[in-house]
């Protein structure tokens, strides 16, 4: 456990954040399909390290621990590797997270996958084989990663693939990200209405891709600036035309007192002078659910009535995030209501100091609550969970003047 506080609430720091986890994980799969691809500025997140190590390992048993992206992407990848027999397993929580929508779809194109314990959930056994073109349907209202997993292997299917989406598509920017990366490698795709088409391509020309830094990781710095008295935070390797959906931070945090300037592939975040927080904020985060925890805590700390919707995927993440948010915000003095897909926060009259924040083995719980230490001293249990996506988080906070002590 650690205590976190900031003595002055004045922030001035320049940082280089790790490469995007989402982009890196997609490129790691694509590099194993197309060896002439080179990746620069890979994510240092535990999720990306776990995925890369699993791909490099000669063992036929892949233990991906808590890495949900690895579970989904590897399932599709090993389905197309002929004459490979692979078992993929993970943590106890991973075995509680459903994977059947992806496997049902892969089976429609001929994949040989079986459940080793409970039907619909990991661990699973895969016998790789050559898969052929077919038009398939997949539920698009559970997790966009199921769709991306199939899209990444689609160019190697004989004849390519056509996917018809069933239901409302959630986290659409992540599907667009996958298609953008395929296009970057010369693979033809189209996305019109409910149909996604991916053409076959056996080989690509030599290609080097530099991974943009992670916008999800940047979100915590937006929250820090929002809580500060004065701030100037410079973050390197961010693009104005980003393929990351979480770049919508620029728009959302303008309403929360943070100005963003793009200067030569970096962003400069500053606190808007004489900013008066709005009384209410309503957002639909169906396309950027990973921002929900950060925005919720920011609104709470700024005493803004907050209604966040489109959060149906949060309860199949590392923890049941909506319940976790409600528990910890309530401890701090908030009045919180949650449903299966939304969260509502009513203004707290007084923030409760020296509260211990439980992280529920969830990296985003630790990092979304840490900025609140600019308002009140807080403690974070199990701070090492941040390695899942942002291993240098606590070190970067120290560079910005935060005092972090073990308890």
Protein backbone atom coordinates (compact mmCIF):
# COMPACT_ATOMS: atom_id res chain seq x y z
CA UNK A 1 0.00 0.00 0.00
CA UNK A 2 1.16 3.56 -0.69
CA UNK A 3 0.13 7.05 0.38
CA UNK A 4 -0.10 9.70 -2.33
CA UNK A 5 -0.19 13.51 -1.99
CA UNK A 6 1.04 16.63 -3.73
CA UNK A 7 2.33 19.53 -1.61
CA UNK A 8 1.77 22.46 -4.00
CA UNK A 9 -0.84 21.42 -6.62
CA UNK A 10 1.41 23.14 -9.19
CA UNK A 11 2.47 20.73 -11.95
CA UNK A 12 5.21 21.21 -14.56
CA UNK A 13 6.62 18.13 -16.24
CA UNK A 14 7.59 16.63 -19.59
CA UNK A 15 7.14 12.90 -20.17
CA UNK A 16 7.35 10.17 -22.81
CA UNK A 17 4.58 7.67 -22.18
CA UNK A 18 4.71 4.07 -23.33
CA UNK A 19 3.41 3.21 -26.80
CA UNK A 20 -0.28 2.44 -27.20
CA UNK A 21 -1.18 -0.96 -25.77
CA UNK A 22 -4.04 -1.38 -28.23
CA UNK A 23 -1.93 -0.62 -31.31
CA UNK A 24 1.02 -2.68 -30.07
CA UNK A 25 -1.06 -5.77 -29.39
CA UNK A 26 -2.58 -5.69 -32.86
CA UNK A 27 0.82 -5.20 -34.48
CA UNK A 28 2.34 -8.08 -32.49
CA UNK A 29 -0.21 -10.47 -34.02
CA UNK A 30 0.30 -8.98 -37.48
CA UNK A 31 4.10 -9.26 -37.17
CA UNK A 32 3.73 -12.98 -36.48
CA UNK A 33 1.55 -13.30 -39.59
CA UNK A 34 3.78 -11.03 -41.68
CA UNK A 35 7.44 -11.25 -40.49
CA UNK A 36 8.54 -8.34 -42.72
CA UNK A 37 6.76 -5.95 -40.32
CA UNK A 38 8.93 -4.00 -37.84
CA UNK A 39 7.48 -2.28 -34.76
CA UNK A 40 9.01 0.75 -33.00
CA UNK A 41 8.01 2.27 -29.63
CA UNK A 42 6.15 -0.86 -28.52
CA UNK A 43 4.05 -0.64 -25.37
CA UNK A 44 5.90 -1.63 -22.21
CA UNK A 45 2.65 -2.69 -20.58
CA UNK A 46 2.39 -6.09 -18.95
CA UNK A 47 -0.42 -6.97 -21.36
CA UNK A 48 1.83 -6.43 -24.38
CA UNK A 49 4.79 -8.21 -22.75
CA UNK A 50 2.56 -11.21 -21.92
CA UNK A 51 1.26 -11.33 -25.50
CA UNK A 52 4.72 -11.06 -27.06
CA UNK A 53 6.17 -13.70 -24.73
CA UNK A 54 3.30 -16.07 -25.52
CA UNK A 55 3.92 -15.65 -29.24
CA UNK A 56 7.67 -16.28 -28.80
CA UNK A 57 7.29 -19.25 -26.44
CA UNK A 58 7.74 -22.75 -27.87
CA UNK A 59 5.44 -24.20 -25.19
CA UNK A 60 2.05 -25.45 -26.35
CA UNK A 61 0.50 -24.07 -23.13
CA UNK A 62 0.06 -20.28 -23.09
CA UNK A 63 -0.72 -18.74 -19.68
CA UNK A 64 -1.81 -15.16 -20.26
CA UNK A 65 -2.78 -14.40 -16.63
CA UNK A 66 -5.07 -11.29 -16.60
CA UNK A 67 -4.43 -10.22 -20.23
CA UNK A 68 -7.85 -10.26 -21.88
CA UNK A 69 -6.61 -8.89 -25.21
CA UNK A 70 -4.01 -11.65 -25.37
CA UNK A 71 -6.66 -14.29 -24.71
CA UNK A 72 -8.85 -13.07 -27.56
CA UNK A 73 -6.15 -12.29 -30.12
CA UNK A 74 -4.22 -15.52 -29.50
CA UNK A 75 -7.40 -17.59 -29.81
CA UNK A 76 -7.94 -16.33 -33.35
CA UNK A 77 -4.22 -16.43 -34.25
CA UNK A 78 -3.61 -20.04 -33.22
CA UNK A 79 -6.80 -21.12 -34.99
CA UNK A 80 -5.12 -20.43 -38.36
CA UNK A 81 -1.71 -21.97 -37.59
CA UNK A 82 -1.74 -25.35 -39.29
CA UNK A 83 -0.61 -28.41 -37.31
CA UNK A 84 -0.32 -26.48 -34.03
CA UNK A 85 -2.11 -27.68 -30.92
CA UNK A 86 -2.29 -25.00 -28.23
CA UNK A 87 -3.88 -24.58 -24.80
CA UNK A 88 -4.61 -21.03 -23.64
CA UNK A 89 -5.36 -20.39 -19.98
CA UNK A 90 -5.26 -17.45 -17.57
CA UNK A 91 -6.04 -16.19 -14.09
CA UNK A 92 -9.15 -17.13 -12.12
CA UNK A 93 -10.79 -13.87 -13.24
CA UNK A 94 -9.87 -14.60 -16.86
CA UNK A 95 -11.69 -17.93 -16.62
CA UNK A 96 -14.82 -16.00 -15.58
CA UNK A 97 -14.76 -13.75 -18.66
CA UNK A 98 -16.84 -15.12 -21.57
CA UNK A 99 -15.16 -15.92 -24.88
CA UNK A 100 -17.91 -17.89 -26.64
CA UNK A 101 -18.96 -15.11 -29.11
CA UNK A 102 -15.46 -15.21 -30.63
CA UNK A 103 -15.19 -18.99 -30.61
CA UNK A 104 -18.66 -19.46 -32.09
CA UNK A 105 -17.63 -17.19 -34.97
CA UNK A 106 -14.28 -18.95 -35.49
CA UNK A 107 -16.03 -22.32 -35.57
CA UNK A 108 -18.25 -21.05 -38.39
CA UNK A 109 -15.13 -20.66 -40.56
CA UNK A 110 -13.88 -24.11 -39.60
CA UNK A 111 -11.81 -23.57 -36.44
CA UNK A 112 -11.23 -26.55 -34.12
CA UNK A 113 -11.58 -25.19 -30.56
CA UNK A 114 -12.82 -26.92 -27.41
CA UNK A 115 -13.48 -25.76 -23.86
CA UNK A 116 -11.43 -27.52 -21.17
CA UNK A 117 -13.59 -26.61 -18.15
CA UNK A 118 -16.77 -24.54 -18.44
CA UNK A 119 -18.48 -24.13 -21.82
CA UNK A 120 -18.12 -20.58 -23.13
CA UNK A 121 -15.12 -19.68 -20.98
CA UNK A 122 -11.33 -20.24 -20.92
CA UNK A 123 -9.23 -22.33 -20.66
CA UNK A 124 -9.47 -23.58 -24.24
CA UNK A 125 -7.72 -26.03 -26.56
CA UNK A 126 -7.05 -25.10 -30.20
CA UNK A 127 -6.04 -27.35 -33.10
CA UNK A 128 -4.80 -25.00 -35.81
CA UNK A 129 -5.80 -25.55 -39.43
CA UNK A 130 -6.14 -23.73 -42.72
CA UNK A 131 -9.43 -21.82 -42.71
CA UNK A 132 -11.45 -20.79 -45.75
CA UNK A 133 -13.49 -17.75 -46.75
CA UNK A 134 -16.99 -17.50 -45.46
CA UNK A 135 -19.44 -14.79 -44.53
CA UNK A 136 -19.97 -14.96 -40.77
CA UNK A 137 -22.07 -13.17 -38.18
CA UNK A 138 -20.81 -11.99 -34.80
CA UNK A 139 -22.43 -10.17 -31.87
CA UNK A 140 -21.04 -6.65 -31.82
CA UNK A 141 -22.55 -5.49 -28.52
CA UNK A 142 -20.32 -7.49 -26.12
CA UNK A 143 -16.68 -6.70 -26.93
CA UNK A 144 -15.07 -5.11 -29.98
CA UNK A 145 -11.97 -7.23 -29.28
CA UNK A 146 -13.83 -10.30 -30.55
CA UNK A 147 -14.25 -8.54 -33.89
CA UNK A 148 -10.68 -7.25 -33.99
CA UNK A 149 -9.32 -10.72 -33.18
CA UNK A 150 -11.00 -12.14 -36.30
CA UNK A 151 -10.10 -9.15 -38.47
CA UNK A 152 -6.40 -9.58 -37.68
CA UNK A 153 -6.33 -13.12 -39.07
CA UNK A 154 -8.85 -12.54 -41.88
CA UNK A 155 -6.22 -11.64 -44.55
CA UNK A 156 -4.73 -15.15 -44.22
CA UNK A 157 -8.04 -16.91 -44.85
CA UNK A 158 -8.40 -18.34 -48.33
CA UNK A 159 -10.47 -15.69 -50.12
CA UNK A 160 -10.52 -13.26 -47.17
CA UNK A 161 -13.57 -12.72 -44.96
CA UNK A 162 -16.90 -10.92 -44.71
CA UNK A 163 -18.26 -10.20 -41.22
CA UNK A 164 -21.84 -9.14 -40.55
CA UNK A 165 -22.25 -7.37 -37.23
CA UNK A 166 -25.28 -8.26 -35.12
CA UNK A 167 -26.48 -5.67 -32.62
CA UNK A 168 -25.19 -2.20 -31.84
CA UNK A 169 -21.42 -1.93 -32.25
CA UNK A 170 -19.63 -0.85 -29.08
CA UNK A 171 -16.10 0.60 -28.98
CA UNK A 172 -16.26 1.25 -32.73
CA UNK A 173 -12.95 3.21 -32.80
CA UNK A 174 -11.09 0.02 -31.84
CA UNK A 175 -12.51 -1.82 -34.86
CA UNK A 176 -11.56 1.15 -37.05
CA UNK A 177 -8.07 1.05 -35.51
CA UNK A 178 -7.67 -2.59 -36.55
CA UNK A 179 -8.83 -1.86 -40.10
CA UNK A 180 -6.51 1.17 -40.30
CA UNK A 181 -3.51 -0.99 -39.37
CA UNK A 182 -4.50 -3.60 -41.97
CA UNK A 183 -4.75 -0.84 -44.59
CA UNK A 184 -1.32 0.43 -43.55
CA UNK A 185 0.10 -2.97 -44.49
CA UNK A 186 -1.56 -2.89 -47.91
CA UNK A 187 -4.55 -5.09 -47.02
CA UNK A 188 -7.80 -4.00 -48.66
CA UNK A 189 -10.80 -3.59 -46.35
CA UNK A 190 -14.21 -1.96 -46.36
CA UNK A 191 -16.68 -1.14 -43.58
CA UNK A 192 -20.15 -0.17 -44.76
CA UNK A 193 -23.22 -0.39 -42.56
CA UNK A 194 -23.08 -3.72 -40.74
CA UNK A 195 -20.67 -5.40 -43.17
CA UNK A 196 -16.88 -5.55 -42.87
CA UNK A 197 -14.85 -7.05 -45.72
CA UNK A 198 -11.19 -8.01 -45.59
CA UNK A 199 -9.30 -9.22 -48.67
CA UNK A 200 -6.74 -12.03 -48.66
CA UNK A 201 -3.05 -11.05 -48.71
CA UNK A 202 -0.39 -13.71 -48.25
CA UNK A 203 2.67 -11.42 -48.03
CA UNK A 204 3.35 -7.73 -47.42
CA UNK A 205 6.22 -5.48 -48.40
CA UNK A 206 8.75 -4.54 -45.71
CA UNK A 207 7.11 -2.08 -43.34
CA UNK A 208 8.13 -0.23 -40.14
CA UNK A 209 5.41 1.27 -37.92
CA UNK A 210 6.12 3.68 -35.07
CA UNK A 211 3.51 3.20 -32.33
CA UNK A 212 1.86 6.38 -31.06
CA UNK A 213 1.95 6.85 -27.27
CA UNK A 214 -1.07 5.66 -25.30
CA UNK A 215 -4.05 8.02 -25.01
CA UNK A 216 -5.59 5.94 -22.23
CA UNK A 217 -2.42 6.53 -20.19
CA UNK A 218 -2.61 10.23 -21.03
CA UNK A 219 -6.09 10.38 -19.47
CA UNK A 220 -4.63 10.33 -15.94
CA UNK A 221 -2.56 13.42 -16.77
CA UNK A 222 -5.69 15.18 -18.00
CA UNK A 223 -7.26 14.43 -14.62
CA UNK A 224 -4.14 15.69 -12.83
CA UNK A 225 -4.24 18.97 -14.75
CA UNK A 226 -7.97 19.34 -14.01
CA UNK A 227 -7.29 19.06 -10.25
CA UNK A 228 -4.22 21.32 -10.25
CA UNK A 229 -3.91 25.02 -9.35
CA UNK A 230 -1.62 25.56 -12.34
CA UNK A 231 -0.19 23.03 -14.75
CA UNK A 232 1.88 22.49 -17.86
CA UNK A 233 2.25 18.85 -18.84
CA UNK A 234 4.14 17.96 -22.04
CA UNK A 235 3.55 14.47 -23.41
CA UNK A 236 5.62 13.24 -26.37
CA UNK A 237 4.61 11.21 -29.43
CA UNK A 238 0.91 12.08 -29.73
CA UNK A 239 -0.77 12.88 -33.06
CA UNK A 240 -3.62 15.25 -33.82
CA UNK A 241 -5.00 12.68 -36.30
CA UNK A 242 -4.88 9.65 -34.04
CA UNK A 243 -6.34 6.20 -34.73
CA UNK A 244 -6.92 5.80 -30.97
CA UNK A 245 -10.52 6.44 -29.94
CA UNK A 246 -9.45 7.68 -26.51
CA UNK A 247 -8.02 10.81 -28.16
CA UNK A 248 -11.57 12.15 -27.60
CA UNK A 249 -10.05 13.15 -24.25
CA UNK A 250 -9.15 16.46 -25.87
CA UNK A 251 -12.84 17.29 -26.30
CA UNK A 252 -14.13 15.87 -23.01
CA UNK A 253 -11.52 17.51 -20.79
CA UNK A 254 -11.96 20.91 -22.42
CA UNK A 255 -15.28 20.83 -20.52
CA UNK A 256 -13.35 19.93 -17.35
CA UNK A 257 -10.84 22.79 -17.51
CA UNK A 258 -7.95 21.34 -19.53
CA UNK A 259 -6.61 22.90 -22.73
CA UNK A 260 -4.66 20.78 -25.26
CA UNK A 261 -2.15 22.14 -27.77
CA UNK A 262 -0.50 19.97 -30.44
CA UNK A 263 3.09 20.99 -31.16
CA UNK A 264 5.31 18.81 -33.37
CA UNK A 265 3.81 15.45 -32.40
CA UNK A 266 3.51 16.27 -28.73
CA UNK A 267 0.63 17.56 -26.62
CA UNK A 268 0.87 20.35 -24.06
CA UNK A 269 -1.82 20.26 -21.38
CA UNK A 270 -2.56 23.39 -19.36
CA UNK A 271 -5.16 24.38 -16.80
CA UNK A 272 -7.64 26.87 -18.26
CA UNK A 273 -7.40 30.12 -16.27
CA UNK A 274 -10.39 31.18 -14.19
CA UNK A 275 -12.21 27.99 -15.17
CA UNK A 276 -15.58 27.39 -13.56
CA UNK A 277 -16.61 23.70 -13.59
CA UNK A 278 -20.04 22.93 -15.04
CA UNK A 279 -22.72 21.81 -12.59
CA UNK A 280 -23.55 18.75 -14.70
CA UNK A 281 -21.80 16.57 -17.26
CA UNK A 282 -23.49 13.87 -19.37
CA UNK A 283 -21.43 11.65 -21.68
CA UNK A 284 -22.02 8.47 -23.65
CA UNK A 285 -18.75 6.53 -23.53
CA UNK A 286 -19.79 3.57 -25.67
CA UNK A 287 -16.83 4.29 -27.98
CA UNK A 288 -14.30 4.99 -25.20
CA UNK A 289 -15.25 2.96 -22.08
CA UNK A 290 -11.67 2.88 -20.78
CA UNK A 291 -12.04 6.58 -19.92
CA UNK A 292 -15.02 6.02 -17.64
CA UNK A 293 -13.14 5.57 -14.37
CA UNK A 294 -10.88 8.58 -14.96
CA UNK A 295 -13.74 10.90 -15.95
CA UNK A 296 -15.92 9.70 -13.06
CA UNK A 297 -13.21 10.47 -10.49
CA UNK A 298 -12.44 13.83 -12.12
CA UNK A 299 -16.09 14.86 -11.96
CA UNK A 300 -16.34 13.71 -8.35
CA UNK A 301 -13.25 15.71 -7.35
CA UNK A 302 -14.52 18.82 -9.14
CA UNK A 303 -17.98 18.40 -7.51
CA UNK A 304 -19.76 17.95 -10.83
CA UNK A 305 -22.99 15.96 -11.11
CA UNK A 306 -22.01 13.31 -13.60
CA UNK A 307 -23.96 10.82 -15.75
CA UNK A 308 -21.92 8.36 -17.83
CA UNK A 309 -23.69 5.94 -20.16
CA UNK A 310 -22.66 3.28 -22.71
CA UNK A 311 -20.62 1.34 -20.14
CA UNK A 312 -21.99 -2.18 -20.68
CA UNK A 313 -18.53 -3.66 -21.32
CA UNK A 314 -17.08 -2.59 -17.97
CA UNK A 315 -18.44 -5.53 -16.03
CA UNK A 316 -16.49 -8.07 -18.12
CA UNK A 317 -13.14 -6.33 -17.55
CA UNK A 318 -10.45 -7.03 -14.92
CA UNK A 319 -13.11 -6.47 -12.29
CA UNK A 320 -16.77 -5.44 -12.36
CA UNK A 321 -15.71 -1.84 -12.79
CA UNK A 322 -19.02 -0.10 -12.21
CA UNK A 323 -19.47 -1.80 -8.84
CA UNK A 324 -15.84 -1.13 -7.94
CA UNK A 325 -16.25 2.57 -8.80
CA UNK A 326 -19.40 2.80 -6.73
CA UNK A 327 -17.71 1.18 -3.72
CA UNK A 328 -14.66 3.45 -3.71
CA UNK A 329 -16.44 6.72 -4.56
CA UNK A 330 -18.99 6.03 -1.81
CA UNK A 331 -16.14 5.61 0.69
CA UNK A 332 -14.91 9.07 -0.35
CA UNK A 333 -18.30 10.64 0.30
CA UNK A 334 -20.08 10.35 -3.05
CA UNK A 335 -23.68 9.39 -3.70
CA UNK A 336 -23.46 6.95 -6.62
CA UNK A 337 -26.01 5.00 -8.64
CA UNK A 338 -25.06 2.31 -11.16
CA UNK A 339 -26.92 0.15 -13.66
CA UNK A 340 -25.58 -2.51 -16.03
CA UNK A 341 -24.51 0.23 -18.46
CA UNK A 342 -24.38 3.56 -16.61
CA UNK A 343 -23.04 5.44 -13.63
CA UNK A 344 -24.44 8.55 -11.97
CA UNK A 345 -22.53 10.60 -9.37
CA UNK A 346 -24.17 13.21 -7.20
CA UNK A 347 -22.04 15.93 -5.64
CA UNK A 348 -20.35 15.11 -2.35
CA UNK A 349 -20.59 17.81 0.30
CA UNK A 350 -17.14 16.99 1.62
CA UNK A 351 -14.37 14.69 0.38
CA UNK A 352 -13.24 12.20 3.02
CA UNK A 353 -9.49 12.36 3.60
CA UNK A 354 -7.04 9.49 4.05
CA UNK A 355 -9.35 6.95 2.43
CA UNK A 356 -7.82 3.63 1.34
CA UNK A 357 -8.68 2.91 -2.30
CA UNK A 358 -9.05 -0.76 -3.14
CA UNK A 359 -7.91 -1.58 -6.68
CA UNK A 360 -9.63 -4.95 -7.24
CA UNK A 361 -6.59 -6.14 -9.28
CA UNK A 362 -7.55 -3.45 -11.80
CA UNK A 363 -4.86 -1.09 -13.13
CA UNK A 364 -7.35 1.62 -14.05
CA UNK A 365 -8.77 1.77 -10.54
CA UNK A 366 -5.34 2.66 -9.14
CA UNK A 367 -4.50 5.23 -11.80
CA UNK A 368 -7.90 6.93 -12.01
CA UNK A 369 -8.02 7.58 -8.25
CA UNK A 370 -4.38 8.67 -7.86
CA UNK A 371 -4.95 12.20 -9.30
CA UNK A 372 -7.49 12.83 -6.53
CA UNK A 373 -4.49 13.14 -4.19
CA UNK A 374 -4.20 16.72 -5.48
CA UNK A 375 -7.40 17.38 -3.55
CA UNK A 376 -7.01 15.13 -0.50
CA UNK A 377 -4.36 12.71 0.78
CA UNK A 378 -5.31 9.16 -0.22
CA UNK A 379 -3.87 5.67 0.00
CA UNK A 380 -3.81 3.06 -2.78
CA UNK A 381 -3.65 -0.66 -2.02
CA UNK A 382 -1.81 -3.00 -4.40
CA UNK A 383 -0.25 -0.15 -6.42
CA UNK A 384 1.72 -2.56 -8.63
CA UNK A 385 -1.42 -3.33 -10.66
CA UNK A 386 -0.45 -0.37 -12.89
CA UNK A 387 2.11 -2.57 -14.70
CA UNK A 388 -0.74 -4.01 -16.75
CA UNK A 389 -0.85 -0.89 -18.92
CA UNK A 390 1.47 1.88 -17.56
CA UNK A 391 4.46 0.43 -15.66
CA UNK A 392 6.13 3.82 -15.11
CA UNK A 393 3.04 5.51 -13.66
CA UNK A 394 4.27 6.05 -10.09
CA UNK A 395 7.73 7.14 -11.26
CA UNK A 396 6.16 9.67 -13.61
CA UNK A 397 4.00 11.01 -10.76
CA UNK A 398 7.16 11.54 -8.67
CA UNK A 399 8.67 13.53 -11.55
CA UNK A 400 5.60 15.78 -11.35
CA UNK A 401 6.16 16.46 -7.64
CA UNK A 402 3.87 13.86 -6.08
CA UNK A 403 5.06 12.41 -2.77
CA UNK A 404 4.56 8.64 -2.77
CA UNK A 405 5.42 6.59 0.31
CA UNK A 406 4.95 2.93 1.17
CA UNK A 407 2.71 2.29 4.17
